């Protein structure tokens, strides 16, 4: 029986206990702040990142996970005779997948590495990774794990409310949400990742309404499919995210819930105060 290992990147920000439980390897994206570079989730963590972001005149930027990081992730797995399934942030939002492809080309020709574009971010990516990793523990082959991920892509998503579009605009990731630029400060844009890009859904007037609307949008998108898995994610907005997750889990009968932060590399673009719901329904 072949051995399969799962690799992802830090944009998913899967909780540490789950990474350890399923032996998932992570290639970190890079946060660039002035003259300094930090490995996302390694050298810089959400708490310190968002506190610093609130008190700085120098705005950070990001870069994709590097070929070197992927080589460091792939090499020990290859040397232990693993076949590798590598699942990553949408290529429309990051150059991480080309880095993975470059690293694959460095390894010997007999290295078996399948690289998949999740077409999404955060825990919508994370759930694709987790279902593949759980299949591995059940003895699934590389081909079977890949099939699971490709099926899962159409059944998951993420919606989120931001306090401001300033960060998305500055980072060039604003996509279809650009039509909301210049709106009143008290308006909370609600966005989603659709077809690998950040797109606008609508605007609401208060934080409370944005939380309610996130739950409604997830309910609309799952279309009654079961089981429902939910993950709340936040950028220094823990209380709001927990409220959102509690409401959604009760209303939608979630069989699995996860609470996590938005990784610093994604938070550079969403900004502090962001709250999101990622979902997987039907698997």
C-alpha atoms as a PDB file:
ATOM      1  CA  UNK A   1       0.000   0.000   0.000  1.00  0.00           C
ATOM      2  CA  UNK A   2       1.348   3.430  -0.940  1.00  0.00           C
ATOM      3  CA  UNK A   3       1.902   6.089   1.717  1.00  0.00           C
ATOM      4  CA  UNK A   4       0.287   9.472   1.127  1.00  0.00           C
ATOM      5  CA  UNK A   5       1.246  12.787   2.741  1.00  0.00           C
ATOM      6  CA  UNK A   6      -0.732  16.036   2.601  1.00  0.00           C
ATOM      7  CA  UNK A   7       0.897  19.447   2.164  1.00  0.00           C
ATOM      8  CA  UNK A   8      -0.855  22.822   2.217  1.00  0.00           C
ATOM      9  CA  UNK A   9       0.116  26.443   2.837  1.00  0.00           C
ATOM     10  CA  UNK A  10      -0.353  28.824   5.731  1.00  0.00           C
ATOM     11  CA  UNK A  11      -3.250  30.716   4.148  1.00  0.00           C
ATOM     12  CA  UNK A  12      -5.555  27.900   5.299  1.00  0.00           C
ATOM     13  CA  UNK A  13      -4.553  28.482   8.934  1.00  0.00           C
ATOM     14  CA  UNK A  14      -5.781  25.081  10.061  1.00  0.00           C
ATOM     15  CA  UNK A  15      -5.574  24.850  13.870  1.00  0.00           C
ATOM     16  CA  UNK A  16      -2.293  23.426  15.115  1.00  0.00           C
ATOM     17  CA  UNK A  17      -3.863  20.431  16.835  1.00  0.00           C
ATOM     18  CA  UNK A  18      -5.404  19.259  13.556  1.00  0.00           C
ATOM     19  CA  UNK A  19      -2.141  19.734  11.660  1.00  0.00           C
ATOM     20  CA  UNK A  20      -0.431  17.538  14.213  1.00  0.00           C
ATOM     21  CA  UNK A  21      -3.227  14.958  14.358  1.00  0.00           C
ATOM     22  CA  UNK A  22      -3.154  14.366  10.605  1.00  0.00           C
ATOM     23  CA  UNK A  23       0.554  15.019  10.041  1.00  0.00           C
ATOM     24  CA  UNK A  24      -0.145  17.847   7.564  1.00  0.00           C
ATOM     25  CA  UNK A  25       2.876  19.806   6.327  1.00  0.00           C
ATOM     26  CA  UNK A  26       2.574  23.563   5.793  1.00  0.00           C
ATOM     27  CA  UNK A  27       4.536  25.825   3.454  1.00  0.00           C
ATOM     28  CA  UNK A  28       4.368  29.350   4.906  1.00  0.00           C
ATOM     29  CA  UNK A  29       3.548  32.430   2.866  1.00  0.00           C
ATOM     30  CA  UNK A  30       5.722  35.468   3.542  1.00  0.00           C
ATOM     31  CA  UNK A  31       4.800  38.728   5.275  1.00  0.00           C
ATOM     32  CA  UNK A  32       7.053  41.651   4.329  1.00  0.00           C
ATOM     33  CA  UNK A  33       7.145  44.545   6.776  1.00  0.00           C
ATOM     34  CA  UNK A  34       9.579  47.291   5.965  1.00  0.00           C
ATOM     35  CA  UNK A  35      13.012  45.687   5.687  1.00  0.00           C
ATOM     36  CA  UNK A  36      11.932  42.512   7.485  1.00  0.00           C
ATOM     37  CA  UNK A  37      10.437  39.280   6.170  1.00  0.00           C
ATOM     38  CA  UNK A  38       8.434  36.872   8.315  1.00  0.00           C
ATOM     39  CA  UNK A  39       7.247  33.340   7.629  1.00  0.00           C
ATOM     40  CA  UNK A  40       3.476  33.358   8.043  1.00  0.00           C
ATOM     41  CA  UNK A  41       2.418  31.466  11.148  1.00  0.00           C
ATOM     42  CA  UNK A  42       6.047  30.705  12.055  1.00  0.00           C
ATOM     43  CA  UNK A  43       7.831  34.009  12.689  1.00  0.00           C
ATOM     44  CA  UNK A  44       4.656  36.048  13.017  1.00  0.00           C
ATOM     45  CA  UNK A  45       1.376  35.027  14.657  1.00  0.00           C
ATOM     46  CA  UNK A  46      -2.081  36.625  14.446  1.00  0.00           C
ATOM     47  CA  UNK A  47      -2.171  38.211  17.909  1.00  0.00           C
ATOM     48  CA  UNK A  48       1.089  40.084  17.528  1.00  0.00           C
ATOM     49  CA  UNK A  49       0.445  40.827  13.873  1.00  0.00           C
ATOM     50  CA  UNK A  50      -2.932  42.519  14.317  1.00  0.00           C
ATOM     51  CA  UNK A  51      -1.762  44.467  17.362  1.00  0.00           C
ATOM     52  CA  UNK A  52       1.178  45.785  15.362  1.00  0.00           C
ATOM     53  CA  UNK A  53      -1.048  46.501  12.353  1.00  0.00           C
ATOM     54  CA  UNK A  54      -3.198  48.791  14.510  1.00  0.00           C
ATOM     55  CA  UNK A  55      -0.144  50.785  15.599  1.00  0.00           C
ATOM     56  CA  UNK A  56       2.051  51.233  12.542  1.00  0.00           C
ATOM     57  CA  UNK A  57       2.619  53.796   9.840  1.00  0.00           C
ATOM     58  CA  UNK A  58       4.398  51.231   7.652  1.00  0.00           C
ATOM     59  CA  UNK A  59       1.979  48.858   5.977  1.00  0.00           C
ATOM     60  CA  UNK A  60       3.042  45.244   5.365  1.00  0.00           C
ATOM     61  CA  UNK A  61       2.805  43.341   2.103  1.00  0.00           C
ATOM     62  CA  UNK A  62       2.958  39.651   1.268  1.00  0.00           C
ATOM     63  CA  UNK A  63       4.656  37.200  -1.014  1.00  0.00           C
ATOM     64  CA  UNK A  64       3.818  33.645  -1.961  1.00  0.00           C
ATOM     65  CA  UNK A  65       5.267  30.610  -0.260  1.00  0.00           C
ATOM     66  CA  UNK A  66       8.715  30.153  -1.763  1.00  0.00           C
ATOM     67  CA  UNK A  67      10.071  27.228  -3.800  1.00  0.00           C
ATOM     68  CA  UNK A  68      12.569  26.735  -0.973  1.00  0.00           C
ATOM     69  CA  UNK A  69       9.758  26.277   1.558  1.00  0.00           C
ATOM     70  CA  UNK A  70       8.127  23.692  -0.670  1.00  0.00           C
ATOM     71  CA  UNK A  71      11.407  21.894  -1.232  1.00  0.00           C
ATOM     72  CA  UNK A  72      11.882  21.760   2.547  1.00  0.00           C
ATOM     73  CA  UNK A  73       8.369  20.312   2.911  1.00  0.00           C
ATOM     74  CA  UNK A  74       8.586  17.831   0.042  1.00  0.00           C
ATOM     75  CA  UNK A  75      12.100  16.471   0.485  1.00  0.00           C
ATOM     76  CA  UNK A  76      11.722  14.608   3.808  1.00  0.00           C
ATOM     77  CA  UNK A  77       8.402  13.169   2.644  1.00  0.00           C
ATOM     78  CA  UNK A  78       9.963  11.955  -0.597  1.00  0.00           C
ATOM     79  CA  UNK A  79      12.890  10.455   1.324  1.00  0.00           C
ATOM     80  CA  UNK A  80      10.370   8.519   3.450  1.00  0.00           C
ATOM     81  CA  UNK A  81       8.717   7.129   0.290  1.00  0.00           C
ATOM     82  CA  UNK A  82       5.540   9.179   0.545  1.00  0.00           C
ATOM     83  CA  UNK A  83       3.411  10.168  -2.402  1.00  0.00           C
ATOM     84  CA  UNK A  84       2.449  13.818  -1.909  1.00  0.00           C
ATOM     85  CA  UNK A  85      -0.840  15.645  -2.402  1.00  0.00           C
ATOM     86  CA  UNK A  86      -0.231  19.409  -2.236  1.00  0.00           C
ATOM     87  CA  UNK A  87      -3.371  21.591  -1.938  1.00  0.00           C
ATOM     88  CA  UNK A  88      -3.110  25.381  -2.036  1.00  0.00           C
ATOM     89  CA  UNK A  89      -4.551  28.876  -2.103  1.00  0.00           C
ATOM     90  CA  UNK A  90      -6.216  29.980  -5.343  1.00  0.00           C
ATOM     91  CA  UNK A  91      -3.686  30.760  -8.042  1.00  0.00           C
ATOM     92  CA  UNK A  92      -5.792  33.814  -8.890  1.00  0.00           C
ATOM     93  CA  UNK A  93      -4.883  35.258  -5.489  1.00  0.00           C
ATOM     94  CA  UNK A  94      -1.303  34.094  -4.976  1.00  0.00           C
ATOM     95  CA  UNK A  95       1.772  32.802  -6.770  1.00  0.00           C
ATOM     96  CA  UNK A  96       2.062  29.939  -4.279  1.00  0.00           C
ATOM     97  CA  UNK A  97       1.147  27.177  -6.739  1.00  0.00           C
ATOM     98  CA  UNK A  98       3.885  28.149  -9.237  1.00  0.00           C
ATOM     99  CA  UNK A  99       6.344  27.948  -6.335  1.00  0.00           C
ATOM    100  CA  UNK A 100       5.114  24.438  -5.575  1.00  0.00           C
ATOM    101  CA  UNK A 101       5.490  23.462  -9.222  1.00  0.00           C
ATOM    102  CA  UNK A 102       9.020  24.858  -9.266  1.00  0.00           C
ATOM    103  CA  UNK A 103       9.953  22.891  -6.159  1.00  0.00           C
ATOM    104  CA  UNK A 104       8.486  19.723  -7.639  1.00  0.00           C
ATOM    105  CA  UNK A 105      10.770  20.202 -10.637  1.00  0.00           C
ATOM    106  CA  UNK A 106      13.799  20.295  -8.354  1.00  0.00           C
ATOM    107  CA  UNK A 107      13.073  16.922  -6.795  1.00  0.00           C
ATOM    108  CA  UNK A 108      14.079  13.633  -8.488  1.00  0.00           C
ATOM    109  CA  UNK A 109      11.922  12.437 -11.366  1.00  0.00           C
ATOM    110  CA  UNK A 110      10.518   9.554  -9.331  1.00  0.00           C
ATOM    111  CA  UNK A 111       8.981  11.906  -6.751  1.00  0.00           C
ATOM    112  CA  UNK A 112       5.190  11.590  -6.950  1.00  0.00           C
ATOM    113  CA  UNK A 113       3.637  14.984  -6.232  1.00  0.00           C
ATOM    114  CA  UNK A 114       0.128  16.080  -7.210  1.00  0.00           C
ATOM    115  CA  UNK A 115      -0.511  19.842  -6.884  1.00  0.00           C
ATOM    116  CA  UNK A 116      -4.108  21.083  -6.671  1.00  0.00           C
ATOM    117  CA  UNK A 117      -5.519  24.607  -6.826  1.00  0.00           C
ATOM    118  CA  UNK A 118      -8.204  24.767  -4.123  1.00  0.00           C
ATOM    119  CA  UNK A 119      -9.753  27.753  -5.911  1.00  0.00           C
ATOM    120  CA  UNK A 120     -10.299  29.382  -2.523  1.00  0.00           C
ATOM    121  CA  UNK A 121      -8.640  30.489   0.732  1.00  0.00           C
ATOM    122  CA  UNK A 122      -8.726  30.122   4.517  1.00  0.00           C
ATOM    123  CA  UNK A 123     -10.704  27.223   5.980  1.00  0.00           C
ATOM    124  CA  UNK A 124     -12.550  26.614   2.716  1.00  0.00           C
ATOM    125  CA  UNK A 125      -9.098  25.447   1.630  1.00  0.00           C
ATOM    126  CA  UNK A 126      -8.618  23.941   5.078  1.00  0.00           C
ATOM    127  CA  UNK A 127     -11.611  21.645   4.765  1.00  0.00           C
ATOM    128  CA  UNK A 128     -10.349  20.332   1.442  1.00  0.00           C
ATOM    129  CA  UNK A 129      -7.069  19.548   3.160  1.00  0.00           C
ATOM    130  CA  UNK A 130      -8.714  17.943   6.187  1.00  0.00           C
ATOM    131  CA  UNK A 131     -10.974  15.652   4.165  1.00  0.00           C
ATOM    132  CA  UNK A 132      -7.994  14.463   2.154  1.00  0.00           C
ATOM    133  CA  UNK A 133      -5.959  13.937   5.330  1.00  0.00           C
ATOM    134  CA  UNK A 134      -8.770  11.975   6.963  1.00  0.00           C
ATOM    135  CA  UNK A 135      -9.030   9.815   3.847  1.00  0.00           C
ATOM    136  CA  UNK A 136      -5.312   9.075   4.195  1.00  0.00           C
ATOM    137  CA  UNK A 137      -5.875   7.769   7.733  1.00  0.00           C
ATOM    138  CA  UNK A 138      -8.551   5.469   6.301  1.00  0.00           C
ATOM    139  CA  UNK A 139      -6.068   4.051   3.811  1.00  0.00           C
ATOM    140  CA  UNK A 140      -7.022   6.010   0.691  1.00  0.00           C
ATOM    141  CA  UNK A 141      -4.618   6.121  -2.250  1.00  0.00           C
ATOM    142  CA  UNK A 142      -3.216   9.309  -3.744  1.00  0.00           C
ATOM    143  CA  UNK A 143      -5.696   9.088  -6.624  1.00  0.00           C
ATOM    144  CA  UNK A 144      -8.604   8.632  -4.209  1.00  0.00           C
ATOM    145  CA  UNK A 145      -7.494  11.589  -2.089  1.00  0.00           C
ATOM    146  CA  UNK A 146      -7.177  13.763  -5.176  1.00  0.00           C
ATOM    147  CA  UNK A 147     -10.686  12.773  -6.272  1.00  0.00           C
ATOM    148  CA  UNK A 148     -12.038  13.752  -2.850  1.00  0.00           C
ATOM    149  CA  UNK A 149     -10.428  17.204  -3.062  1.00  0.00           C
ATOM    150  CA  UNK A 150     -11.711  17.848  -6.581  1.00  0.00           C
ATOM    151  CA  UNK A 151     -15.228  16.902  -5.467  1.00  0.00           C
ATOM    152  CA  UNK A 152     -14.960  18.986  -2.308  1.00  0.00           C
ATOM    153  CA  UNK A 153     -14.015  22.155  -4.215  1.00  0.00           C
ATOM    154  CA  UNK A 154     -17.582  22.601  -5.477  1.00  0.00           C
ATOM    155  CA  UNK A 155     -19.103  22.038  -2.038  1.00  0.00           C
ATOM    156  CA  UNK A 156     -17.160  24.550   0.038  1.00  0.00           C
ATOM    157  CA  UNK A 157     -16.790  28.296   0.206  1.00  0.00           C
ATOM    158  CA  UNK A 158     -16.103  31.278   2.410  1.00  0.00           C
ATOM    159  CA  UNK A 159     -18.004  34.516   3.007  1.00  0.00           C
ATOM    160  CA  UNK A 160     -16.647  37.368   5.084  1.00  0.00           C
ATOM    161  CA  UNK A 161     -17.378  40.870   6.278  1.00  0.00           C
ATOM    162  CA  UNK A 162     -14.619  43.472   6.395  1.00  0.00           C
ATOM    163  CA  UNK A 163     -14.487  46.747   8.278  1.00  0.00           C
ATOM    164  CA  UNK A 164     -12.893  48.504   5.312  1.00  0.00           C
ATOM    165  CA  UNK A 165     -11.859  47.752   1.733  1.00  0.00           C
ATOM    166  CA  UNK A 166      -8.664  49.763   2.206  1.00  0.00           C
ATOM    167  CA  UNK A 167      -6.458  46.718   2.713  1.00  0.00           C
ATOM    168  CA  UNK A 168      -7.838  44.705  -0.219  1.00  0.00           C
ATOM    169  CA  UNK A 169      -7.520  47.715  -2.467  1.00  0.00           C
ATOM    170  CA  UNK A 170      -3.964  48.456  -1.434  1.00  0.00           C
ATOM    171  CA  UNK A 171      -2.922  44.823  -1.888  1.00  0.00           C
ATOM    172  CA  UNK A 172      -4.482  44.495  -5.339  1.00  0.00           C
ATOM    173  CA  UNK A 173      -6.816  41.647  -4.315  1.00  0.00           C
ATOM    174  CA  UNK A 174     -10.040  43.621  -4.394  1.00  0.00           C
ATOM    175  CA  UNK A 175     -11.485  42.023  -7.548  1.00  0.00           C
ATOM    176  CA  UNK A 176     -15.216  42.559  -7.977  1.00  0.00           C
ATOM    177  CA  UNK A 177     -15.464  44.329  -4.634  1.00  0.00           C
ATOM    178  CA  UNK A 178     -14.009  47.480  -6.198  1.00  0.00           C
ATOM    179  CA  UNK A 179     -17.502  48.829  -6.821  1.00  0.00           C
ATOM    180  CA  UNK A 180     -17.851  49.306  -3.046  1.00  0.00           C
ATOM    181  CA  UNK A 181     -14.870  51.647  -2.797  1.00  0.00           C
ATOM    182  CA  UNK A 182     -15.728  55.098  -1.540  1.00  0.00           C
ATOM    183  CA  UNK A 183     -18.889  54.034   0.263  1.00  0.00           C
ATOM    184  CA  UNK A 184     -19.771  55.410   3.669  1.00  0.00           C
ATOM    185  CA  UNK A 185     -17.535  54.414   6.551  1.00  0.00           C
ATOM    186  CA  UNK A 186     -20.341  52.766   8.491  1.00  0.00           C
ATOM    187  CA  UNK A 187     -21.101  50.392   5.621  1.00  0.00           C
ATOM    188  CA  UNK A 188     -19.787  46.831   6.101  1.00  0.00           C
ATOM    189  CA  UNK A 189     -18.994  45.160   2.769  1.00  0.00           C
ATOM    190  CA  UNK A 190     -19.744  41.438   2.572  1.00  0.00           C
ATOM    191  CA  UNK A 191     -17.539  39.490   0.209  1.00  0.00           C
ATOM    192  CA  UNK A 192     -16.868  35.933  -0.862  1.00  0.00           C
ATOM    193  CA  UNK A 193     -14.320  33.955  -2.781  1.00  0.00           C
ATOM    194  CA  UNK A 194     -15.984  32.876  -6.031  1.00  0.00           C
ATOM    195  CA  UNK A 195     -14.148  31.081  -8.825  1.00  0.00           C
ATOM    196  CA  UNK A 196     -10.900  31.757  -7.002  1.00  0.00           C
ATOM    197  CA  UNK A 197     -11.365  35.538  -6.796  1.00  0.00           C
ATOM    198  CA  UNK A 198     -12.677  37.918  -4.146  1.00  0.00           C
ATOM    199  CA  UNK A 199     -16.091  39.172  -5.221  1.00  0.00           C
ATOM    200  CA  UNK A 200     -18.631  41.507  -3.648  1.00  0.00           C
ATOM    201  CA  UNK A 201     -22.028  40.357  -2.456  1.00  0.00           C
ATOM    202  CA  UNK A 202     -23.637  43.350  -0.759  1.00  0.00           C
ATOM    203  CA  UNK A 203     -23.308  46.004   1.929  1.00  0.00           C
ATOM    204  CA  UNK A 204     -24.934  46.166   5.351  1.00  0.00           C
ATOM    205  CA  UNK A 205     -24.979  48.998   7.851  1.00  0.00           C
ATOM    206  CA  UNK A 206     -23.885  47.441  11.129  1.00  0.00           C
ATOM    207  CA  UNK A 207     -21.622  44.735  12.462  1.00  0.00           C
ATOM    208  CA  UNK A 208     -24.598  42.864  13.936  1.00  0.00           C
ATOM    209  CA  UNK A 209     -26.353  42.810  10.579  1.00  0.00           C
ATOM    210  CA  UNK A 210     -23.182  41.595   8.901  1.00  0.00           C
ATOM    211  CA  UNK A 211     -23.001  38.604  11.260  1.00  0.00           C
ATOM    212  CA  UNK A 212     -26.641  37.741  10.624  1.00  0.00           C
ATOM    213  CA  UNK A 213     -26.140  38.077   6.889  1.00  0.00           C
ATOM    214  CA  UNK A 214     -23.077  35.829   6.840  1.00  0.00           C
ATOM    215  CA  UNK A 215     -25.164  33.039   8.364  1.00  0.00           C
ATOM    216  CA  UNK A 216     -27.980  33.614   5.879  1.00  0.00           C
ATOM    217  CA  UNK A 217     -25.571  33.517   2.951  1.00  0.00           C
ATOM    218  CA  UNK A 218     -24.041  30.237   4.054  1.00  0.00           C
ATOM    219  CA  UNK A 219     -27.519  28.759   4.443  1.00  0.00           C
ATOM    220  CA  UNK A 220     -28.362  29.869   0.897  1.00  0.00           C
ATOM    221  CA  UNK A 221     -25.197  28.377  -0.527  1.00  0.00           C
ATOM    222  CA  UNK A 222     -25.370  24.964   1.123  1.00  0.00           C
ATOM    223  CA  UNK A 223     -28.903  24.451  -0.282  1.00  0.00           C
ATOM    224  CA  UNK A 224     -29.890  21.968   2.392  1.00  0.00           C
ATOM    225  CA  UNK A 225     -26.945  19.645   1.824  1.00  0.00           C
ATOM    226  CA  UNK A 226     -25.771  17.585   4.783  1.00  0.00           C
ATOM    227  CA  UNK A 227     -23.555  17.143   6.674  1.00  0.00           C
ATOM    228  CA  UNK A 228     -22.531  20.756   7.300  1.00  0.00           C
ATOM    229  CA  UNK A 229     -19.044  21.679   8.496  1.00  0.00           C
ATOM    230  CA  UNK A 230     -18.391  25.254   9.569  1.00  0.00           C
ATOM    231  CA  UNK A 231     -15.333  27.294  10.482  1.00  0.00           C
ATOM    232  CA  UNK A 232     -15.347  30.810  11.861  1.00  0.00           C
ATOM    233  CA  UNK A 233     -12.314  32.926  11.103  1.00  0.00           C
ATOM    234  CA  UNK A 234     -11.411  36.355  12.335  1.00  0.00           C
ATOM    235  CA  UNK A 235      -8.824  39.108  12.273  1.00  0.00           C
ATOM    236  CA  UNK A 236      -8.665  40.338  15.859  1.00  0.00           C
ATOM    237  CA  UNK A 237     -12.467  40.042  16.197  1.00  0.00           C
ATOM    238  CA  UNK A 238     -12.826  36.925  18.341  1.00  0.00           C
ATOM    239  CA  UNK A 239     -16.095  37.784  20.097  1.00  0.00           C
ATOM    240  CA  UNK A 240     -17.937  38.583  16.871  1.00  0.00           C
ATOM    241  CA  UNK A 241     -16.595  35.451  15.192  1.00  0.00           C
ATOM    242  CA  UNK A 242     -17.679  33.233  18.092  1.00  0.00           C
ATOM    243  CA  UNK A 243     -21.152  34.755  18.011  1.00  0.00           C
ATOM    244  CA  UNK A 244     -21.338  34.146  14.270  1.00  0.00           C
ATOM    245  CA  UNK A 245     -20.213  30.529  14.635  1.00  0.00           C
ATOM    246  CA  UNK A 246     -22.652  29.827  17.469  1.00  0.00           C
ATOM    247  CA  UNK A 247     -25.592  31.167  15.480  1.00  0.00           C
ATOM    248  CA  UNK A 248     -24.590  29.329  12.300  1.00  0.00           C
ATOM    249  CA  UNK A 249     -23.869  26.021  14.022  1.00  0.00           C
ATOM    250  CA  UNK A 250     -27.237  26.006  15.780  1.00  0.00           C
ATOM    251  CA  UNK A 251     -29.205  27.186  12.789  1.00  0.00           C
ATOM    252  CA  UNK A 252     -27.573  24.862  10.257  1.00  0.00           C
ATOM    253  CA  UNK A 253     -27.049  21.813  12.459  1.00  0.00           C
ATOM    254  CA  UNK A 254     -23.297  21.698  11.926  1.00  0.00           C
ATOM    255  CA  UNK A 255     -21.620  18.348  12.569  1.00  0.00           C
ATOM    256  CA  UNK A 256     -18.155  19.907  12.824  1.00  0.00           C
ATOM    257  CA  UNK A 257     -17.096  23.374  13.888  1.00  0.00           C
ATOM    258  CA  UNK A 258     -13.659  24.959  13.859  1.00  0.00           C
ATOM    259  CA  UNK A 259     -12.589  28.324  15.237  1.00  0.00           C
ATOM    260  CA  UNK A 260      -9.436  29.919  13.914  1.00  0.00           C
ATOM    261  CA  UNK A 261      -7.720  33.180  13.062  1.00  0.00           C
ATOM    262  CA  UNK A 262      -7.159  34.659   9.648  1.00  0.00           C
ATOM    263  CA  UNK A 263      -3.480  34.143   8.945  1.00  0.00           C
ATOM    264  CA  UNK A 264      -1.285  37.265   8.920  1.00  0.00           C
ATOM    265  CA  UNK A 265      -0.593  36.762   5.199  1.00  0.00           C
ATOM    266  CA  UNK A 266      -4.323  36.972   4.467  1.00  0.00           C
ATOM    267  CA  UNK A 267      -4.940  39.594   7.162  1.00  0.00           C
ATOM    268  CA  UNK A 268      -2.572  41.947   5.347  1.00  0.00           C
ATOM    269  CA  UNK A 269      -5.260  42.147   2.661  1.00  0.00           C
ATOM    270  CA  UNK A 270      -8.499  41.862   4.672  1.00  0.00           C
ATOM    271  CA  UNK A 271      -7.441  44.123   7.528  1.00  0.00           C
ATOM    272  CA  UNK A 272      -8.317  43.911  11.244  1.00  0.00           C
ATOM    273  CA  UNK A 273     -11.933  43.392  12.246  1.00  0.00           C
ATOM    274  CA  UNK A 274     -12.720  40.906   9.489  1.00  0.00           C
ATOM    275  CA  UNK A 275     -15.075  38.048  10.360  1.00  0.00           C
ATOM    276  CA  UNK A 276     -15.767  35.127   8.070  1.00  0.00           C
ATOM    277  CA  UNK A 277     -17.557  31.810   7.793  1.00  0.00           C
ATOM    278  CA  UNK A 278     -16.104  28.956   5.783  1.00  0.00           C
ATOM    279  CA  UNK A 279     -18.318  25.990   5.015  1.00  0.00           C
ATOM    280  CA  UNK A 280     -18.349  22.529   3.518  1.00  0.00           C
ATOM    281  CA  UNK A 281     -21.693  20.854   2.914  1.00  0.00           C
ATOM    282  CA  UNK A 282     -22.536  17.462   1.494  1.00  0.00           C
ATOM    283  CA  UNK A 283     -19.367  15.555   2.404  1.00  0.00           C
END
